[in-house]
Amino acid sequence: MSRLRVYADDNPGTPIVQLGDPARIAMELSVIGVRFERWDAPVVPPRDAAEAEVLEAYRPYLDQLMGETGAGSADVLRVGPQTQGWAQARGKYLSEHTHSEDEVRFFVHGQGDFILHVNGRVYDVRCTAGDLISVPAGIPHWFDGGETPDFVTLRIFTNPDGWIAQYTGSDIAVRFPAEA
Protein backbone atom coordinates (compact mmCIF):
# COMPACT_ATOMS: atom_id res chain seq x y z
CA MET A 1 0.00 0.00 0.00
CA SER A 2 1.24 3.48 -0.87
CA ARG A 3 2.19 5.69 2.03
CA LEU A 4 3.89 8.94 2.93
CA ARG A 5 5.79 9.74 6.12
CA VAL A 6 7.20 13.21 6.67
CA TYR A 7 9.91 13.95 9.24
CA ALA A 8 11.82 16.99 10.43
CA ASP A 9 15.27 16.45 8.93
CA ASP A 10 16.83 16.44 12.38
CA ASN A 11 14.42 13.84 13.84
CA PRO A 12 14.35 10.51 11.98
CA GLY A 13 12.48 8.74 14.78
CA THR A 14 9.15 10.55 14.77
CA PRO A 15 7.05 11.28 11.67
CA ILE A 16 5.11 14.54 11.77
CA VAL A 17 2.79 13.41 8.95
CA GLN A 18 1.64 9.88 8.05
CA LEU A 19 -0.71 9.30 5.12
CA GLY A 20 -1.97 6.20 3.31
CA ASP A 21 -4.63 7.65 1.01
CA PRO A 22 -3.18 8.27 -2.49
CA ALA A 23 -5.24 11.45 -3.00
CA ARG A 24 -3.96 12.92 0.27
CA ILE A 25 -0.41 11.83 -0.55
CA ALA A 26 -0.70 13.62 -3.91
CA MET A 27 -1.95 16.80 -2.22
CA GLU A 28 0.84 16.80 0.38
CA LEU A 29 3.55 16.22 -2.24
CA SER A 30 2.14 18.82 -4.64
CA VAL A 31 3.11 21.51 -2.10
CA ILE A 32 6.78 20.73 -2.82
CA GLY A 33 6.22 20.33 -6.57
CA VAL A 34 6.25 16.52 -6.64
CA ARG A 35 3.70 14.78 -8.84
CA PHE A 36 2.10 11.63 -7.42
CA GLU A 37 -0.85 9.82 -8.95
CA ARG A 38 -2.42 6.41 -9.47
CA TRP A 39 -2.80 4.87 -12.94
CA ASP A 40 -5.47 2.27 -13.53
CA ALA A 41 -4.51 0.26 -16.59
CA PRO A 42 -7.15 -1.94 -18.21
CA VAL A 43 -4.60 -4.79 -18.22
CA VAL A 44 -1.59 -5.21 -15.95
CA PRO A 45 1.08 -7.19 -17.78
CA PRO A 46 2.68 -10.16 -16.01
CA ARG A 47 5.82 -9.48 -13.98
CA ASP A 48 7.98 -11.22 -16.60
CA ALA A 49 6.32 -9.60 -19.65
CA ALA A 50 8.57 -8.34 -22.42
CA GLU A 51 9.48 -4.65 -22.33
CA ALA A 52 7.37 -3.92 -25.43
CA GLU A 53 4.30 -5.52 -23.83
CA VAL A 54 4.71 -3.46 -20.64
CA LEU A 55 5.17 -0.22 -22.59
CA GLU A 56 2.14 -1.00 -24.77
CA ALA A 57 -0.09 -1.68 -21.73
CA TYR A 58 0.59 1.85 -20.46
CA ARG A 59 0.92 3.57 -23.86
CA PRO A 60 -2.01 6.02 -23.41
CA TYR A 61 -0.59 7.20 -20.08
CA LEU A 62 2.96 7.35 -21.42
CA ASP A 63 1.99 9.31 -24.52
CA GLN A 64 0.15 11.90 -22.43
CA LEU A 65 2.91 12.14 -19.82
CA MET A 66 5.69 12.35 -22.39
CA GLY A 67 3.76 15.05 -24.26
CA GLU A 68 3.33 17.07 -21.06
CA THR A 69 6.94 16.76 -19.95
CA GLY A 70 8.77 16.73 -23.27
CA ALA A 71 10.32 13.38 -22.36
CA GLY A 72 11.86 11.53 -25.27
CA SER A 73 12.05 7.93 -24.14
CA ALA A 74 10.69 5.32 -21.76
CA ASP A 75 12.00 1.95 -20.72
CA VAL A 76 11.31 -0.83 -18.25
CA LEU A 77 13.50 -1.49 -15.22
CA ARG A 78 13.04 -4.94 -13.74
CA VAL A 79 14.85 -5.67 -10.44
CA GLY A 80 14.51 -8.81 -8.37
CA PRO A 81 16.44 -10.69 -5.71
CA GLN A 82 18.59 -12.36 -8.40
CA THR A 83 19.43 -9.15 -10.28
CA GLN A 84 23.16 -9.03 -10.98
CA GLY A 85 24.86 -5.97 -9.51
CA TRP A 86 21.92 -4.86 -7.36
CA ALA A 87 24.03 -4.33 -4.21
CA GLN A 88 26.35 -1.97 -6.10
CA ALA A 89 23.49 -0.17 -7.85
CA ARG A 90 21.57 0.13 -4.58
CA GLY A 91 24.55 1.90 -3.03
CA LYS A 92 24.37 4.57 -5.78
CA TYR A 93 20.63 5.04 -5.35
CA LEU A 94 20.90 5.26 -1.53
CA SER A 95 23.15 8.32 -1.62
CA GLU A 96 21.38 11.69 -1.67
CA HIS A 97 21.53 13.13 -5.17
CA THR A 98 19.78 15.40 -7.64
CA HIS A 99 19.18 15.27 -11.38
CA SER A 100 19.12 17.93 -14.09
CA GLU A 101 15.78 16.52 -15.29
CA ASP A 102 12.68 15.24 -13.52
CA GLU A 103 12.98 11.66 -12.26
CA VAL A 104 9.76 9.96 -13.38
CA ARG A 105 8.86 6.41 -12.32
CA PHE A 106 5.73 4.32 -12.58
CA PHE A 107 5.52 1.11 -10.54
CA VAL A 108 4.07 -1.76 -12.57
CA HIS A 109 4.84 -4.37 -9.87
CA GLY A 110 6.38 -4.31 -6.42
CA GLN A 111 7.41 -1.29 -4.41
CA GLY A 112 10.20 1.10 -3.51
CA ASP A 113 10.77 4.21 -1.44
CA PHE A 114 11.62 7.61 -2.86
CA ILE A 115 12.94 9.73 -0.01
CA LEU A 116 13.05 13.49 -0.64
CA HIS A 117 14.87 16.16 1.35
CA VAL A 118 13.11 19.52 0.96
CA ASN A 119 12.94 22.63 3.17
CA GLY A 120 14.15 20.95 6.35
CA ARG A 121 11.87 17.95 5.93
CA VAL A 122 12.33 14.37 4.77
CA TYR A 123 9.45 12.90 2.74
CA ASP A 124 9.52 9.08 2.60
CA VAL A 125 7.16 8.06 -0.22
CA ARG A 126 6.41 4.33 -0.45
CA CYS A 127 5.41 3.75 -4.07
CA THR A 128 3.57 0.54 -4.92
CA ALA A 129 2.11 -1.00 -8.09
CA GLY A 130 -0.03 1.60 -9.86
CA ASP A 131 1.83 4.65 -8.48
CA LEU A 132 3.49 7.34 -10.57
CA ILE A 133 5.98 9.70 -8.97
CA SER A 134 7.78 12.59 -10.65
CA VAL A 135 10.56 14.20 -8.61
CA PRO A 136 11.41 17.60 -10.10
CA ALA A 137 14.93 18.36 -11.29
CA GLY A 138 17.12 19.68 -8.49
CA ILE A 139 15.26 18.13 -5.55
CA PRO A 140 17.67 16.19 -3.31
CA HIS A 141 16.48 12.60 -2.90
CA TRP A 142 17.46 8.95 -2.79
CA PHE A 143 15.74 5.65 -3.59
CA ASP A 144 15.56 2.37 -1.72
CA GLY A 145 14.26 -0.76 -3.43
CA GLY A 146 15.26 -2.85 -0.40
CA GLU A 147 17.90 -5.46 0.28
CA THR A 148 15.83 -8.06 -1.56
CA PRO A 149 14.18 -5.94 -4.26
CA ASP A 150 11.25 -7.04 -6.34
CA PHE A 151 9.88 -4.33 -8.61
CA VAL A 152 9.16 -3.47 -12.22
CA THR A 153 9.03 0.21 -13.14
CA LEU A 154 8.59 2.35 -16.20
CA ARG A 155 11.27 5.03 -16.42
CA ILE A 156 10.68 8.17 -18.48
CA PHE A 157 13.66 10.25 -19.66
CA THR A 158 14.22 13.57 -21.38
CA ASN A 159 18.00 13.16 -21.50
CA PRO A 160 18.94 10.45 -24.02
CA ASP A 161 21.78 9.39 -21.68
CA GLY A 162 19.23 8.28 -19.06
CA TRP A 163 19.81 8.29 -15.29
CA ILE A 164 22.57 10.76 -14.35
CA ALA A 165 23.01 11.74 -10.70
CA GLN A 166 24.77 14.67 -9.08
CA TYR A 167 25.61 13.53 -5.53
CA THR A 168 25.23 16.07 -2.70
CA GLY A 169 27.81 14.49 -0.36
CA SER A 170 25.32 14.58 2.52
CA ASP A 171 25.00 11.66 4.94
CA ILE A 172 21.27 12.26 5.50
CA ALA A 173 20.28 9.04 3.70
CA VAL A 174 22.16 7.05 6.34
CA ARG A 175 20.22 8.83 9.11
CA PHE A 176 16.87 8.15 7.41
CA PRO A 177 16.84 4.54 6.21
CA ALA A 178 13.67 3.44 4.43
CA GLU A 179 11.28 1.56 6.67
CA ALA A 180 9.78 -1.81 5.82
C-alpha atoms as a PDB file:
ATOM      1  CA  MET A   1       0.000   0.000   0.000  1.00  0.00           C
ATOM      2  CA  SER A   2       1.242   3.476  -0.872  1.00  0.00           C
ATOM      3  CA  ARG A   3       2.191   5.691   2.025  1.00  0.00           C
ATOM      4  CA  LEU A   4       3.890   8.936   2.934  1.00  0.00           C
ATOM      5  CA  ARG A   5       5.787   9.739   6.116  1.00  0.00           C
ATOM      6  CA  VAL A   6       7.199  13.208   6.666  1.00  0.00           C
ATOM      7  CA  TYR A   7       9.909  13.947   9.238  1.00  0.00           C
ATOM      8  CA  ALA A   8      11.816  16.992  10.426  1.00  0.00           C
ATOM      9  CA  ASP A   9      15.265  16.449   8.926  1.00  0.00           C
ATOM     10  CA  ASP A  10      16.833  16.443  12.382  1.00  0.00           C
ATOM     11  CA  ASN A  11      14.424  13.840  13.838  1.00  0.00           C
ATOM     12  CA  PRO A  12      14.347  10.512  11.980  1.00  0.00           C
ATOM     13  CA  GLY A  13      12.477   8.737  14.777  1.00  0.00           C
ATOM     14  CA  THR A  14       9.146  10.552  14.773  1.00  0.00           C
ATOM     15  CA  PRO A  15       7.053  11.276  11.669  1.00  0.00           C
ATOM     16  CA  ILE A  16       5.109  14.536  11.770  1.00  0.00           C
ATOM     17  CA  VAL A  17       2.786  13.406   8.951  1.00  0.00           C
ATOM     18  CA  GLN A  18       1.641   9.877   8.052  1.00  0.00           C
ATOM     19  CA  LEU A  19      -0.707   9.299   5.119  1.00  0.00           C
ATOM     20  CA  GLY A  20      -1.968   6.201   3.314  1.00  0.00           C
ATOM     21  CA  ASP A  21      -4.634   7.647   1.005  1.00  0.00           C
ATOM     22  CA  PRO A  22      -3.179   8.269  -2.491  1.00  0.00           C
ATOM     23  CA  ALA A  23      -5.237  11.454  -3.003  1.00  0.00           C
ATOM     24  CA  ARG A  24      -3.957  12.925   0.270  1.00  0.00           C
ATOM     25  CA  ILE A  25      -0.408  11.826  -0.545  1.00  0.00           C
ATOM     26  CA  ALA A  26      -0.698  13.620  -3.907  1.00  0.00           C
ATOM     27  CA  MET A  27      -1.952  16.804  -2.222  1.00  0.00           C
ATOM     28  CA  GLU A  28       0.839  16.797   0.379  1.00  0.00           C
ATOM     29  CA  LEU A  29       3.546  16.223  -2.243  1.00  0.00           C
ATOM     30  CA  SER A  30       2.140  18.820  -4.639  1.00  0.00           C
ATOM     31  CA  VAL A  31       3.109  21.508  -2.101  1.00  0.00           C
ATOM     32  CA  ILE A  32       6.782  20.732  -2.823  1.00  0.00           C
ATOM     33  CA  GLY A  33       6.221  20.331  -6.574  1.00  0.00           C
ATOM     34  CA  VAL A  34       6.255  16.520  -6.637  1.00  0.00           C
ATOM     35  CA  ARG A  35       3.700  14.775  -8.838  1.00  0.00           C
ATOM     36  CA  PHE A  36       2.104  11.631  -7.418  1.00  0.00           C
ATOM     37  CA  GLU A  37      -0.853   9.816  -8.952  1.00  0.00           C
ATOM     38  CA  ARG A  38      -2.425   6.412  -9.469  1.00  0.00           C
ATOM     39  CA  TRP A  39      -2.802   4.874 -12.935  1.00  0.00           C
ATOM     40  CA  ASP A  40      -5.468   2.269 -13.535  1.00  0.00           C
ATOM     41  CA  ALA A  41      -4.511   0.256 -16.591  1.00  0.00           C
ATOM     42  CA  PRO A  42      -7.154  -1.943 -18.213  1.00  0.00           C
ATOM     43  CA  VAL A  43      -4.597  -4.789 -18.221  1.00  0.00           C
ATOM     44  CA  VAL A  44      -1.588  -5.211 -15.952  1.00  0.00           C
ATOM     45  CA  PRO A  45       1.078  -7.194 -17.779  1.00  0.00           C
ATOM     46  CA  PRO A  46       2.680 -10.162 -16.009  1.00  0.00           C
ATOM     47  CA  ARG A  47       5.820  -9.478 -13.979  1.00  0.00           C
ATOM     48  CA  ASP A  48       7.976 -11.220 -16.596  1.00  0.00           C
ATOM     49  CA  ALA A  49       6.319  -9.597 -19.649  1.00  0.00           C
ATOM     50  CA  ALA A  50       8.571  -8.343 -22.415  1.00  0.00           C
ATOM     51  CA  GLU A  51       9.475  -4.648 -22.325  1.00  0.00           C
ATOM     52  CA  ALA A  52       7.368  -3.924 -25.435  1.00  0.00           C
ATOM     53  CA  GLU A  53       4.297  -5.522 -23.825  1.00  0.00           C
ATOM     54  CA  VAL A  54       4.713  -3.455 -20.641  1.00  0.00           C
ATOM     55  CA  LEU A  55       5.169  -0.224 -22.592  1.00  0.00           C
ATOM     56  CA  GLU A  56       2.141  -1.002 -24.765  1.00  0.00           C
ATOM     57  CA  ALA A  57      -0.086  -1.682 -21.733  1.00  0.00           C
ATOM     58  CA  TYR A  58       0.595   1.846 -20.460  1.00  0.00           C
ATOM     59  CA  ARG A  59       0.921   3.566 -23.856  1.00  0.00           C
ATOM     60  CA  PRO A  60      -2.007   6.020 -23.411  1.00  0.00           C
ATOM     61  CA  TYR A  61      -0.589   7.205 -20.079  1.00  0.00           C
ATOM     62  CA  LEU A  62       2.964   7.350 -21.417  1.00  0.00           C
ATOM     63  CA  ASP A  63       1.991   9.313 -24.522  1.00  0.00           C
ATOM     64  CA  GLN A  64       0.147  11.899 -22.429  1.00  0.00           C
ATOM     65  CA  LEU A  65       2.910  12.136 -19.823  1.00  0.00           C
ATOM     66  CA  MET A  66       5.688  12.351 -22.391  1.00  0.00           C
ATOM     67  CA  GLY A  67       3.760  15.046 -24.261  1.00  0.00           C
ATOM     68  CA  GLU A  68       3.326  17.068 -21.056  1.00  0.00           C
ATOM     69  CA  THR A  69       6.941  16.763 -19.953  1.00  0.00           C
ATOM     70  CA  GLY A  70       8.774  16.726 -23.269  1.00  0.00           C
ATOM     71  CA  ALA A  71      10.321  13.378 -22.364  1.00  0.00           C
ATOM     72  CA  GLY A  72      11.855  11.534 -25.267  1.00  0.00           C
ATOM     73  CA  SER A  73      12.050   7.934 -24.139  1.00  0.00           C
ATOM     74  CA  ALA A  74      10.685   5.324 -21.765  1.00  0.00           C
ATOM     75  CA  ASP A  75      11.995   1.954 -20.723  1.00  0.00           C
ATOM     76  CA  VAL A  76      11.306  -0.828 -18.251  1.00  0.00           C
ATOM     77  CA  LEU A  77      13.501  -1.487 -15.221  1.00  0.00           C
ATOM     78  CA  ARG A  78      13.040  -4.939 -13.736  1.00  0.00           C
ATOM     79  CA  VAL A  79      14.848  -5.667 -10.442  1.00  0.00           C
ATOM     80  CA  GLY A  80      14.507  -8.809  -8.366  1.00  0.00           C
ATOM     81  CA  PRO A  81      16.444 -10.692  -5.707  1.00  0.00           C
ATOM     82  CA  GLN A  82      18.585 -12.358  -8.396  1.00  0.00           C
ATOM     83  CA  THR A  83      19.429  -9.147 -10.278  1.00  0.00           C
ATOM     84  CA  GLN A  84      23.156  -9.028 -10.981  1.00  0.00           C
ATOM     85  CA  GLY A  85      24.857  -5.967  -9.510  1.00  0.00           C
ATOM     86  CA  TRP A  86      21.919  -4.857  -7.359  1.00  0.00           C
ATOM     87  CA  ALA A  87      24.026  -4.333  -4.214  1.00  0.00           C
ATOM     88  CA  GLN A  88      26.350  -1.965  -6.096  1.00  0.00           C
ATOM     89  CA  ALA A  89      23.487  -0.165  -7.854  1.00  0.00           C
ATOM     90  CA  ARG A  90      21.571   0.134  -4.583  1.00  0.00           C
ATOM     91  CA  GLY A  91      24.551   1.899  -3.033  1.00  0.00           C
ATOM     92  CA  LYS A  92      24.374   4.572  -5.775  1.00  0.00           C
ATOM     93  CA  TYR A  93      20.633   5.043  -5.346  1.00  0.00           C
ATOM     94  CA  LEU A  94      20.896   5.256  -1.533  1.00  0.00           C
ATOM     95  CA  SER A  95      23.154   8.322  -1.615  1.00  0.00           C
ATOM     96  CA  GLU A  96      21.381  11.689  -1.665  1.00  0.00           C
ATOM     97  CA  HIS A  97      21.531  13.127  -5.166  1.00  0.00           C
ATOM     98  CA  THR A  98      19.782  15.403  -7.636  1.00  0.00           C
ATOM     99  CA  HIS A  99      19.179  15.270 -11.376  1.00  0.00           C
ATOM    100  CA  SER A 100      19.122  17.928 -14.088  1.00  0.00           C
ATOM    101  CA  GLU A 101      15.777  16.520 -15.287  1.00  0.00           C
ATOM    102  CA  ASP A 102      12.678  15.236 -13.523  1.00  0.00           C
ATOM    103  CA  GLU A 103      12.980  11.657 -12.261  1.00  0.00           C
ATOM    104  CA  VAL A 104       9.759   9.963 -13.383  1.00  0.00           C
ATOM    105  CA  ARG A 105       8.862   6.411 -12.321  1.00  0.00           C
ATOM    106  CA  PHE A 106       5.727   4.320 -12.581  1.00  0.00           C
ATOM    107  CA  PHE A 107       5.520   1.114 -10.540  1.00  0.00           C
ATOM    108  CA  VAL A 108       4.065  -1.759 -12.567  1.00  0.00           C
ATOM    109  CA  HIS A 109       4.838  -4.370  -9.875  1.00  0.00           C
ATOM    110  CA  GLY A 110       6.383  -4.314  -6.421  1.00  0.00           C
ATOM    111  CA  GLN A 111       7.412  -1.290  -4.412  1.00  0.00           C
ATOM    112  CA  GLY A 112      10.204   1.100  -3.515  1.00  0.00           C
ATOM    113  CA  ASP A 113      10.775   4.215  -1.435  1.00  0.00           C
ATOM    114  CA  PHE A 114      11.624   7.614  -2.862  1.00  0.00           C
ATOM    115  CA  ILE A 115      12.937   9.735  -0.012  1.00  0.00           C
ATOM    116  CA  LEU A 116      13.047  13.487  -0.645  1.00  0.00           C
ATOM    117  CA  HIS A 117      14.875  16.162   1.354  1.00  0.00           C
ATOM    118  CA  VAL A 118      13.113  19.516   0.964  1.00  0.00           C
ATOM    119  CA  ASN A 119      12.936  22.625   3.169  1.00  0.00           C
ATOM    120  CA  GLY A 120      14.149  20.952   6.353  1.00  0.00           C
ATOM    121  CA  ARG A 121      11.866  17.945   5.932  1.00  0.00           C
ATOM    122  CA  VAL A 122      12.328  14.374   4.770  1.00  0.00           C
ATOM    123  CA  TYR A 123       9.448  12.899   2.738  1.00  0.00           C
ATOM    124  CA  ASP A 124       9.516   9.075   2.596  1.00  0.00           C
ATOM    125  CA  VAL A 125       7.162   8.065  -0.224  1.00  0.00           C
ATOM    126  CA  ARG A 126       6.410   4.332  -0.454  1.00  0.00           C
ATOM    127  CA  CYS A 127       5.414   3.750  -4.074  1.00  0.00           C
ATOM    128  CA  THR A 128       3.567   0.542  -4.924  1.00  0.00           C
ATOM    129  CA  ALA A 129       2.108  -0.999  -8.086  1.00  0.00           C
ATOM    130  CA  GLY A 130      -0.034   1.599  -9.859  1.00  0.00           C
ATOM    131  CA  ASP A 131       1.832   4.649  -8.482  1.00  0.00           C
ATOM    132  CA  LEU A 132       3.491   7.340 -10.574  1.00  0.00           C
ATOM    133  CA  ILE A 133       5.985   9.703  -8.966  1.00  0.00           C
ATOM    134  CA  SER A 134       7.781  12.588 -10.648  1.00  0.00           C
ATOM    135  CA  VAL A 135      10.557  14.198  -8.611  1.00  0.00           C
ATOM    136  CA  PRO A 136      11.414  17.603 -10.099  1.00  0.00           C
ATOM    137  CA  ALA A 137      14.935  18.362 -11.288  1.00  0.00           C
ATOM    138  CA  GLY A 138      17.124  19.681  -8.491  1.00  0.00           C
ATOM    139  CA  ILE A 139      15.256  18.126  -5.547  1.00  0.00           C
ATOM    140  CA  PRO A 140      17.671  16.190  -3.310  1.00  0.00           C
ATOM    141  CA  HIS A 141      16.479  12.600  -2.896  1.00  0.00           C
ATOM    142  CA  TRP A 142      17.458   8.946  -2.786  1.00  0.00           C
ATOM    143  CA  PHE A 143      15.743   5.651  -3.585  1.00  0.00           C
ATOM    144  CA  ASP A 144      15.558   2.370  -1.724  1.00  0.00           C
ATOM    145  CA  GLY A 145      14.263  -0.757  -3.430  1.00  0.00           C
ATOM    146  CA  GLY A 146      15.258  -2.851  -0.399  1.00  0.00           C
ATOM    147  CA  GLU A 147      17.904  -5.462   0.282  1.00  0.00           C
ATOM    148  CA  THR A 148      15.826  -8.057  -1.563  1.00  0.00           C
ATOM    149  CA  PRO A 149      14.183  -5.943  -4.263  1.00  0.00           C
ATOM    150  CA  ASP A 150      11.247  -7.043  -6.344  1.00  0.00           C
ATOM    151  CA  PHE A 151       9.885  -4.328  -8.607  1.00  0.00           C
ATOM    152  CA  VAL A 152       9.158  -3.472 -12.215  1.00  0.00           C
ATOM    153  CA  THR A 153       9.034   0.212 -13.140  1.00  0.00           C
ATOM    154  CA  LEU A 154       8.590   2.346 -16.199  1.00  0.00           C
ATOM    155  CA  ARG A 155      11.265   5.030 -16.424  1.00  0.00           C
ATOM    156  CA  ILE A 156      10.680   8.168 -18.478  1.00  0.00           C
ATOM    157  CA  PHE A 157      13.656  10.245 -19.657  1.00  0.00           C
ATOM    158  CA  THR A 158      14.216  13.567 -21.383  1.00  0.00           C
ATOM    159  CA  ASN A 159      17.995  13.161 -21.497  1.00  0.00           C
ATOM    160  CA  PRO A 160      18.940  10.450 -24.018  1.00  0.00           C
ATOM    161  CA  ASP A 161      21.778   9.387 -21.683  1.00  0.00           C
ATOM    162  CA  GLY A 162      19.231   8.280 -19.057  1.00  0.00           C
ATOM    163  CA  TRP A 163      19.810   8.292 -15.291  1.00  0.00           C
ATOM    164  CA  ILE A 164      22.568  10.764 -14.354  1.00  0.00           C
ATOM    165  CA  ALA A 165      23.010  11.737 -10.698  1.00  0.00           C
ATOM    166  CA  GLN A 166      24.773  14.667  -9.080  1.00  0.00           C
ATOM    167  CA  TYR A 167      25.607  13.534  -5.526  1.00  0.00           C
ATOM    168  CA  THR A 168      25.231  16.065  -2.697  1.00  0.00           C
ATOM    169  CA  GLY A 169      27.809  14.489  -0.362  1.00  0.00           C
ATOM    170  CA  SER A 170      25.317  14.585   2.524  1.00  0.00           C
ATOM    171  CA  ASP A 171      24.995  11.662   4.941  1.00  0.00           C
ATOM    172  CA  ILE A 172      21.273  12.259   5.500  1.00  0.00           C
ATOM    173  CA  ALA A 173      20.281   9.041   3.699  1.00  0.00           C
ATOM    174  CA  VAL A 174      22.162   7.051   6.342  1.00  0.00           C
ATOM    175  CA  ARG A 175      20.223   8.829   9.106  1.00  0.00           C
ATOM    176  CA  PHE A 176      16.868   8.153   7.405  1.00  0.00           C
ATOM    177  CA  PRO A 177      16.842   4.544   6.206  1.00  0.00           C
ATOM    178  CA  ALA A 178      13.675   3.442   4.427  1.00  0.00           C
ATOM    179  CA  GLU A 179      11.280   1.559   6.667  1.00  0.00           C
ATOM    180  CA  ALA A 180       9.784  -1.811   5.825  1.00  0.00           C
END
